Amino acid sequence: FPLQKQNCQEDASQLKLGPDFEKAQCLLNSEVIILLEHHQMSANEDSGTELSNIFQKTLQYVQHFSRYKNKTAVKEVRSLLTAKNLDEFQIAALANLCPETPEETKALIPTLADRLSDAELNEILKDLSSFRRFE
């Protein structure tokens, strides 16, 4: 039952994501779009390169679920959340899920319950909402 032991060590609700993710940077869907579109432009310049079906579906997925439409907003969202000293997983989850209330935020990202007060969460959610609204 080594699998059970590993499952006990990994628990996203406690930010225990396993050794593969200890130093990984989690990306916002909007950051993934920037990377994929850059790759797509490079492939288009090289007329012999065809993009895979999986690449196309991934691009469609992140375009559908992306909350921030321009590079400036993406950078500002990342900067805002990084300044709050949040973990990479928390940053990506907040920016990608876009919860509307502190209660919803804590339900979706339980590790924020002990880290930020409702007032701090409200301020962050208000700021994130303004980045989506004024693009």
N, C-alpha and C. Protein backbone atom coordinates (compact mmCIF):
# COMPACT_ATOMS: atom_id res chain seq x y z
N PHE A 1 0.79 -1.20 0.00
CA PHE A 1 0.00 0.00 0.00
C PHE A 1 0.84 1.28 0.00
N PRO A 2 1.92 1.31 -0.74
CA PRO A 2 2.71 2.54 -0.80
C PRO A 2 1.90 3.71 -1.34
N LEU A 3 0.91 3.45 -2.17
CA LEU A 3 0.10 4.51 -2.73
C LEU A 3 -0.64 5.26 -1.64
N GLN A 4 -1.16 4.53 -0.64
CA GLN A 4 -1.87 5.18 0.46
C GLN A 4 -0.94 6.10 1.24
N LYS A 5 0.29 5.67 1.48
CA LYS A 5 1.24 6.50 2.20
C LYS A 5 1.52 7.80 1.45
N GLN A 6 1.68 7.69 0.14
CA GLN A 6 1.93 8.88 -0.67
C GLN A 6 0.72 9.81 -0.63
N ASN A 7 -0.50 9.28 -0.69
CA ASN A 7 -1.70 10.11 -0.65
C ASN A 7 -1.80 10.89 0.66
N CYS A 8 -1.34 10.29 1.76
CA CYS A 8 -1.38 10.99 3.05
C CYS A 8 -0.41 12.16 3.06
N GLN A 9 0.70 12.03 2.33
CA GLN A 9 1.69 13.09 2.29
C GLN A 9 1.27 14.22 1.37
N GLU A 10 0.37 13.96 0.44
CA GLU A 10 -0.10 14.97 -0.49
C GLU A 10 -1.53 15.34 -0.16
N ASP A 11 -1.74 16.63 0.09
CA ASP A 11 -3.08 17.11 0.42
C ASP A 11 -3.15 18.58 0.02
N ALA A 12 -3.82 18.86 -1.08
CA ALA A 12 -3.89 20.23 -1.60
C ALA A 12 -4.58 21.17 -0.61
N SER A 13 -5.49 20.65 0.19
CA SER A 13 -6.18 21.52 1.15
C SER A 13 -5.23 22.04 2.22
N GLN A 14 -4.05 21.41 2.33
CA GLN A 14 -3.04 21.87 3.30
C GLN A 14 -1.77 22.32 2.59
N LEU A 15 -1.85 22.52 1.29
CA LEU A 15 -0.72 22.92 0.44
C LEU A 15 0.41 21.89 0.45
N LYS A 16 0.07 20.64 0.67
CA LYS A 16 1.04 19.55 0.57
C LYS A 16 0.86 18.93 -0.80
N LEU A 17 1.59 19.45 -1.79
CA LEU A 17 1.39 19.05 -3.17
C LEU A 17 2.39 18.01 -3.64
N GLY A 18 3.29 17.62 -2.79
CA GLY A 18 4.27 16.61 -3.15
C GLY A 18 5.57 17.22 -3.63
N PRO A 19 6.61 16.40 -3.69
CA PRO A 19 7.95 16.91 -4.02
C PRO A 19 8.06 17.52 -5.41
N ASP A 20 7.26 17.06 -6.36
CA ASP A 20 7.34 17.60 -7.72
C ASP A 20 6.93 19.07 -7.78
N PHE A 21 6.15 19.51 -6.82
CA PHE A 21 5.61 20.87 -6.87
C PHE A 21 6.21 21.81 -5.83
N GLU A 22 7.22 21.36 -5.10
CA GLU A 22 7.78 22.18 -4.04
C GLU A 22 8.34 23.51 -4.56
N LYS A 23 8.97 23.49 -5.70
CA LYS A 23 9.58 24.71 -6.24
C LYS A 23 8.95 25.13 -7.56
N ALA A 24 7.82 24.53 -7.89
CA ALA A 24 7.17 24.83 -9.17
C ALA A 24 6.41 26.15 -9.10
N GLN A 25 6.38 26.85 -10.22
CA GLN A 25 5.57 28.07 -10.31
C GLN A 25 4.26 27.69 -10.99
N CYS A 26 3.16 27.93 -10.29
CA CYS A 26 1.84 27.68 -10.87
C CYS A 26 1.48 28.87 -11.76
N LEU A 27 0.90 28.57 -12.89
CA LEU A 27 0.56 29.62 -13.85
C LEU A 27 -0.92 29.96 -13.81
N LEU A 28 -1.22 31.22 -14.07
CA LEU A 28 -2.59 31.64 -14.28
C LEU A 28 -2.99 31.20 -15.68
N ASN A 29 -4.26 30.93 -15.88
CA ASN A 29 -4.72 30.57 -17.22
C ASN A 29 -4.31 31.63 -18.23
N SER A 30 -4.36 32.87 -17.81
CA SER A 30 -4.00 33.98 -18.70
C SER A 30 -2.52 33.95 -19.06
N GLU A 31 -1.67 33.48 -18.16
CA GLU A 31 -0.25 33.35 -18.46
C GLU A 31 -0.01 32.20 -19.43
N VAL A 32 -0.80 31.14 -19.28
CA VAL A 32 -0.69 30.01 -20.20
C VAL A 32 -1.05 30.46 -21.62
N ILE A 33 -2.07 31.29 -21.74
CA ILE A 33 -2.46 31.81 -23.06
C ILE A 33 -1.29 32.56 -23.70
N ILE A 34 -0.63 33.41 -22.93
CA ILE A 34 0.50 34.18 -23.46
C ILE A 34 1.57 33.24 -24.00
N LEU A 35 1.90 32.21 -23.23
CA LEU A 35 2.91 31.24 -23.66
C LEU A 35 2.48 30.47 -24.90
N LEU A 36 1.24 30.00 -24.90
CA LEU A 36 0.76 29.21 -26.04
C LEU A 36 0.63 30.05 -27.30
N GLU A 37 0.16 31.27 -27.17
CA GLU A 37 0.04 32.14 -28.35
C GLU A 37 1.41 32.49 -28.92
N HIS A 38 2.39 32.66 -28.05
CA HIS A 38 3.76 32.91 -28.52
C HIS A 38 4.26 31.69 -29.30
N HIS A 39 4.01 30.51 -28.77
CA HIS A 39 4.43 29.28 -29.46
C HIS A 39 3.68 29.15 -30.80
N GLN A 40 2.41 29.50 -30.79
CA GLN A 40 1.60 29.43 -32.02
C GLN A 40 2.14 30.38 -33.08
N MET A 41 2.51 31.60 -32.68
CA MET A 41 3.07 32.55 -33.64
C MET A 41 4.39 32.04 -34.20
N SER A 42 5.22 31.46 -33.35
CA SER A 42 6.49 30.89 -33.81
C SER A 42 6.25 29.76 -34.80
N ALA A 43 5.25 28.94 -34.53
CA ALA A 43 4.93 27.83 -35.42
C ALA A 43 4.40 28.34 -36.76
N ASN A 44 3.62 29.42 -36.72
CA ASN A 44 3.09 29.99 -37.96
C ASN A 44 4.20 30.57 -38.83
N GLU A 45 5.23 31.11 -38.19
CA GLU A 45 6.36 31.66 -38.94
C GLU A 45 7.16 30.55 -39.62
N ASP A 46 7.17 29.40 -38.98
CA ASP A 46 7.84 28.23 -39.55
C ASP A 46 6.75 27.41 -40.25
N SER A 47 6.56 27.66 -41.52
CA SER A 47 5.41 27.13 -42.26
C SER A 47 5.28 25.61 -42.21
N GLY A 48 6.32 24.90 -41.88
CA GLY A 48 6.25 23.44 -41.85
C GLY A 48 5.74 22.88 -40.53
N THR A 49 5.56 23.71 -39.53
CA THR A 49 5.17 23.23 -38.21
C THR A 49 3.65 23.23 -38.06
N GLU A 50 3.12 22.05 -37.71
CA GLU A 50 1.69 21.93 -37.44
C GLU A 50 1.49 21.76 -35.95
N LEU A 51 0.51 22.43 -35.40
CA LEU A 51 0.23 22.32 -33.97
C LEU A 51 -0.72 21.15 -33.73
N SER A 52 -0.47 20.42 -32.67
CA SER A 52 -1.25 19.22 -32.38
C SER A 52 -2.67 19.57 -31.95
N ASN A 53 -3.52 18.59 -32.02
CA ASN A 53 -4.90 18.73 -31.58
C ASN A 53 -4.94 19.05 -30.08
N ILE A 54 -4.07 18.43 -29.32
CA ILE A 54 -4.02 18.69 -27.88
C ILE A 54 -3.62 20.14 -27.62
N PHE A 55 -2.67 20.65 -28.39
CA PHE A 55 -2.26 22.05 -28.25
C PHE A 55 -3.47 22.96 -28.50
N GLN A 56 -4.19 22.70 -29.59
CA GLN A 56 -5.35 23.52 -29.94
C GLN A 56 -6.43 23.47 -28.86
N LYS A 57 -6.68 22.27 -28.33
CA LYS A 57 -7.71 22.12 -27.28
C LYS A 57 -7.27 22.82 -25.99
N THR A 58 -6.00 22.73 -25.68
CA THR A 58 -5.49 23.41 -24.48
C THR A 58 -5.63 24.92 -24.63
N LEU A 59 -5.28 25.43 -25.79
CA LEU A 59 -5.42 26.86 -26.04
C LEU A 59 -6.89 27.29 -25.94
N GLN A 60 -7.79 26.53 -26.52
CA GLN A 60 -9.21 26.85 -26.43
C GLN A 60 -9.70 26.84 -24.98
N TYR A 61 -9.23 25.87 -24.22
CA TYR A 61 -9.63 25.75 -22.81
C TYR A 61 -9.21 26.98 -22.02
N VAL A 62 -7.93 27.34 -22.11
CA VAL A 62 -7.47 28.48 -21.31
C VAL A 62 -8.06 29.80 -21.81
N GLN A 63 -8.33 29.89 -23.11
CA GLN A 63 -8.99 31.09 -23.62
C GLN A 63 -10.40 31.21 -23.04
N HIS A 64 -11.06 30.08 -22.93
CA HIS A 64 -12.43 30.08 -22.39
C HIS A 64 -12.46 30.47 -20.91
N PHE A 65 -11.50 29.97 -20.15
CA PHE A 65 -11.51 30.18 -18.71
C PHE A 65 -10.60 31.30 -18.22
N SER A 66 -9.94 31.98 -19.12
CA SER A 66 -9.07 33.08 -18.74
C SER A 66 -9.91 34.25 -18.25
N ARG A 67 -9.46 34.87 -17.18
CA ARG A 67 -10.21 35.99 -16.60
C ARG A 67 -9.62 37.36 -16.95
N TYR A 68 -8.36 37.37 -17.37
CA TYR A 68 -7.67 38.64 -17.63
C TYR A 68 -7.21 38.63 -19.08
N LYS A 69 -7.59 39.63 -19.82
CA LYS A 69 -7.46 39.58 -21.28
C LYS A 69 -6.22 40.25 -21.85
N ASN A 70 -5.52 41.05 -21.08
CA ASN A 70 -4.32 41.67 -21.64
C ASN A 70 -3.12 41.45 -20.73
N LYS A 71 -1.93 41.57 -21.31
CA LYS A 71 -0.69 41.26 -20.58
C LYS A 71 -0.50 42.16 -19.36
N THR A 72 -0.89 43.41 -19.47
CA THR A 72 -0.73 44.34 -18.35
C THR A 72 -1.55 43.88 -17.15
N ALA A 73 -2.79 43.50 -17.40
CA ALA A 73 -3.65 43.02 -16.30
C ALA A 73 -3.08 41.75 -15.69
N VAL A 74 -2.57 40.85 -16.52
CA VAL A 74 -2.00 39.60 -16.03
C VAL A 74 -0.81 39.89 -15.12
N LYS A 75 0.06 40.80 -15.55
CA LYS A 75 1.23 41.15 -14.74
C LYS A 75 0.81 41.79 -13.42
N GLU A 76 -0.18 42.65 -13.47
CA GLU A 76 -0.63 43.34 -12.26
C GLU A 76 -1.29 42.38 -11.28
N VAL A 77 -2.06 41.44 -11.80
CA VAL A 77 -2.69 40.44 -10.93
C VAL A 77 -1.61 39.61 -10.25
N ARG A 78 -0.64 39.14 -11.02
CA ARG A 78 0.46 38.35 -10.45
C ARG A 78 1.20 39.17 -9.39
N SER A 79 1.47 40.42 -9.68
CA SER A 79 2.19 41.29 -8.76
C SER A 79 1.40 41.52 -7.47
N LEU A 80 0.12 41.81 -7.62
CA LEU A 80 -0.75 42.03 -6.46
C LEU A 80 -0.74 40.83 -5.53
N LEU A 81 -0.94 39.64 -6.10
CA LEU A 81 -1.03 38.44 -5.27
C LEU A 81 0.32 38.02 -4.72
N THR A 82 1.38 38.25 -5.45
CA THR A 82 2.73 37.94 -4.96
C THR A 82 3.07 38.84 -3.78
N ALA A 83 2.65 40.09 -3.83
CA ALA A 83 2.92 41.03 -2.75
C ALA A 83 2.23 40.62 -1.45
N LYS A 84 1.23 39.80 -1.53
CA LYS A 84 0.51 39.33 -0.34
C LYS A 84 1.21 38.12 0.30
N ASN A 85 2.36 37.73 -0.25
CA ASN A 85 3.14 36.59 0.25
C ASN A 85 2.34 35.29 0.25
N LEU A 86 1.60 35.08 -0.82
CA LEU A 86 0.84 33.84 -0.96
C LEU A 86 1.69 32.79 -1.66
N ASP A 87 1.35 31.55 -1.43
CA ASP A 87 2.03 30.45 -2.12
C ASP A 87 1.60 30.44 -3.58
N GLU A 88 2.44 29.86 -4.43
CA GLU A 88 2.15 29.79 -5.87
C GLU A 88 0.77 29.18 -6.14
N PHE A 89 0.46 28.10 -5.46
CA PHE A 89 -0.83 27.44 -5.65
C PHE A 89 -1.97 28.39 -5.30
N GLN A 90 -1.83 29.12 -4.20
CA GLN A 90 -2.88 30.06 -3.79
C GLN A 90 -3.05 31.19 -4.79
N ILE A 91 -1.94 31.68 -5.32
CA ILE A 91 -1.99 32.75 -6.31
C ILE A 91 -2.75 32.28 -7.55
N ALA A 92 -2.37 31.12 -8.07
CA ALA A 92 -3.02 30.61 -9.28
C ALA A 92 -4.49 30.29 -9.02
N ALA A 93 -4.77 29.70 -7.88
CA ALA A 93 -6.16 29.34 -7.57
C ALA A 93 -7.03 30.60 -7.45
N LEU A 94 -6.55 31.61 -6.75
CA LEU A 94 -7.32 32.85 -6.61
C LEU A 94 -7.57 33.51 -7.96
N ALA A 95 -6.52 33.62 -8.76
CA ALA A 95 -6.64 34.30 -10.05
C ALA A 95 -7.47 33.51 -11.05
N ASN A 96 -7.38 32.19 -11.01
CA ASN A 96 -8.11 31.37 -11.98
C ASN A 96 -9.56 31.13 -11.58
N LEU A 97 -9.82 30.97 -10.29
CA LEU A 97 -11.18 30.66 -9.85
C LEU A 97 -12.05 31.90 -9.68
N CYS A 98 -11.43 33.02 -9.36
CA CYS A 98 -12.14 34.30 -9.18
C CYS A 98 -13.35 34.19 -8.26
N PRO A 99 -13.13 33.75 -7.03
CA PRO A 99 -14.27 33.71 -6.10
C PRO A 99 -14.79 35.12 -5.83
N GLU A 100 -16.02 35.20 -5.36
CA GLU A 100 -16.65 36.51 -5.19
C GLU A 100 -16.73 36.96 -3.74
N THR A 101 -16.66 36.02 -2.79
CA THR A 101 -16.77 36.38 -1.38
C THR A 101 -15.65 35.70 -0.59
N PRO A 102 -15.34 36.23 0.59
CA PRO A 102 -14.35 35.54 1.42
C PRO A 102 -14.77 34.11 1.77
N GLU A 103 -16.05 33.90 2.00
CA GLU A 103 -16.54 32.56 2.33
C GLU A 103 -16.29 31.59 1.18
N GLU A 104 -16.61 32.03 -0.03
CA GLU A 104 -16.37 31.19 -1.21
C GLU A 104 -14.87 30.95 -1.39
N THR A 105 -14.08 31.98 -1.16
CA THR A 105 -12.63 31.85 -1.29
C THR A 105 -12.10 30.80 -0.34
N LYS A 106 -12.52 30.85 0.91
CA LYS A 106 -12.03 29.90 1.91
C LYS A 106 -12.54 28.49 1.65
N ALA A 107 -13.72 28.37 1.05
CA ALA A 107 -14.23 27.04 0.70
C ALA A 107 -13.42 26.44 -0.45
N LEU A 108 -13.06 27.27 -1.43
CA LEU A 108 -12.30 26.79 -2.59
C LEU A 108 -10.81 26.63 -2.29
N ILE A 109 -10.29 27.50 -1.43
CA ILE A 109 -8.85 27.49 -1.11
C ILE A 109 -8.72 27.52 0.41
N PRO A 110 -8.91 26.37 1.06
CA PRO A 110 -8.95 26.32 2.53
C PRO A 110 -7.71 26.88 3.23
N THR A 111 -6.56 26.83 2.58
CA THR A 111 -5.33 27.32 3.21
C THR A 111 -5.34 28.84 3.41
N LEU A 112 -6.23 29.53 2.75
CA LEU A 112 -6.31 30.99 2.94
C LEU A 112 -7.08 31.37 4.19
N ALA A 113 -7.85 30.44 4.75
CA ALA A 113 -8.67 30.74 5.92
C ALA A 113 -7.82 31.20 7.10
N ASP A 114 -6.67 30.58 7.31
CA ASP A 114 -5.80 30.95 8.42
C ASP A 114 -4.79 32.03 8.04
N ARG A 115 -4.69 32.31 6.78
CA ARG A 115 -3.65 33.22 6.30
C ARG A 115 -4.12 34.66 6.15
N LEU A 116 -5.38 34.84 5.75
CA LEU A 116 -5.90 36.19 5.50
C LEU A 116 -7.24 36.38 6.20
N SER A 117 -7.46 37.58 6.70
CA SER A 117 -8.75 37.89 7.32
C SER A 117 -9.79 38.11 6.23
N ASP A 118 -11.05 38.13 6.63
CA ASP A 118 -12.12 38.40 5.66
C ASP A 118 -11.94 39.78 5.03
N ALA A 119 -11.49 40.75 5.80
CA ALA A 119 -11.27 42.10 5.28
C ALA A 119 -10.17 42.09 4.21
N GLU A 120 -9.08 41.37 4.49
CA GLU A 120 -7.99 41.28 3.51
C GLU A 120 -8.46 40.56 2.25
N LEU A 121 -9.22 39.49 2.43
CA LEU A 121 -9.74 38.76 1.27
C LEU A 121 -10.68 39.64 0.45
N ASN A 122 -11.54 40.39 1.13
CA ASN A 122 -12.45 41.30 0.43
C ASN A 122 -11.68 42.30 -0.42
N GLU A 123 -10.61 42.85 0.14
CA GLU A 123 -9.79 43.82 -0.60
C GLU A 123 -9.17 43.17 -1.84
N ILE A 124 -8.63 41.97 -1.68
CA ILE A 124 -8.01 41.26 -2.80
C ILE A 124 -9.06 40.95 -3.87
N LEU A 125 -10.22 40.45 -3.45
CA LEU A 125 -11.27 40.10 -4.41
C LEU A 125 -11.77 41.33 -5.16
N LYS A 126 -11.86 42.44 -4.47
CA LYS A 126 -12.27 43.70 -5.11
C LYS A 126 -11.24 44.11 -6.16
N ASP A 127 -9.95 44.01 -5.80
CA ASP A 127 -8.89 44.36 -6.74
C ASP A 127 -8.91 43.44 -7.96
N LEU A 128 -9.06 42.13 -7.73
CA LEU A 128 -9.10 41.19 -8.85
C LEU A 128 -10.28 41.46 -9.76
N SER A 129 -11.40 41.79 -9.16
CA SER A 129 -12.60 42.11 -9.95
C SER A 129 -12.37 43.34 -10.82
N SER A 130 -11.67 44.33 -10.29
CA SER A 130 -11.43 45.55 -11.07
C SER A 130 -10.52 45.26 -12.26
N PHE A 131 -9.59 44.31 -12.13
CA PHE A 131 -8.73 43.95 -13.27
C PHE A 131 -9.55 43.28 -14.37
N ARG A 132 -10.56 42.53 -13.99
CA ARG A 132 -11.42 41.89 -15.00
C ARG A 132 -12.34 42.89 -15.65
N ARG A 133 -12.79 43.88 -14.90
CA ARG A 133 -13.79 44.82 -15.37
C ARG A 133 -13.21 45.89 -16.30
N PHE A 134 -12.00 46.35 -16.03
CA PHE A 134 -11.46 47.50 -16.75
C PHE A 134 -10.45 47.13 -17.82
N GLU A 135 -10.68 46.05 -18.50
CA GLU A 135 -9.76 45.65 -19.57
C GLU A 135 -10.26 46.12 -20.90
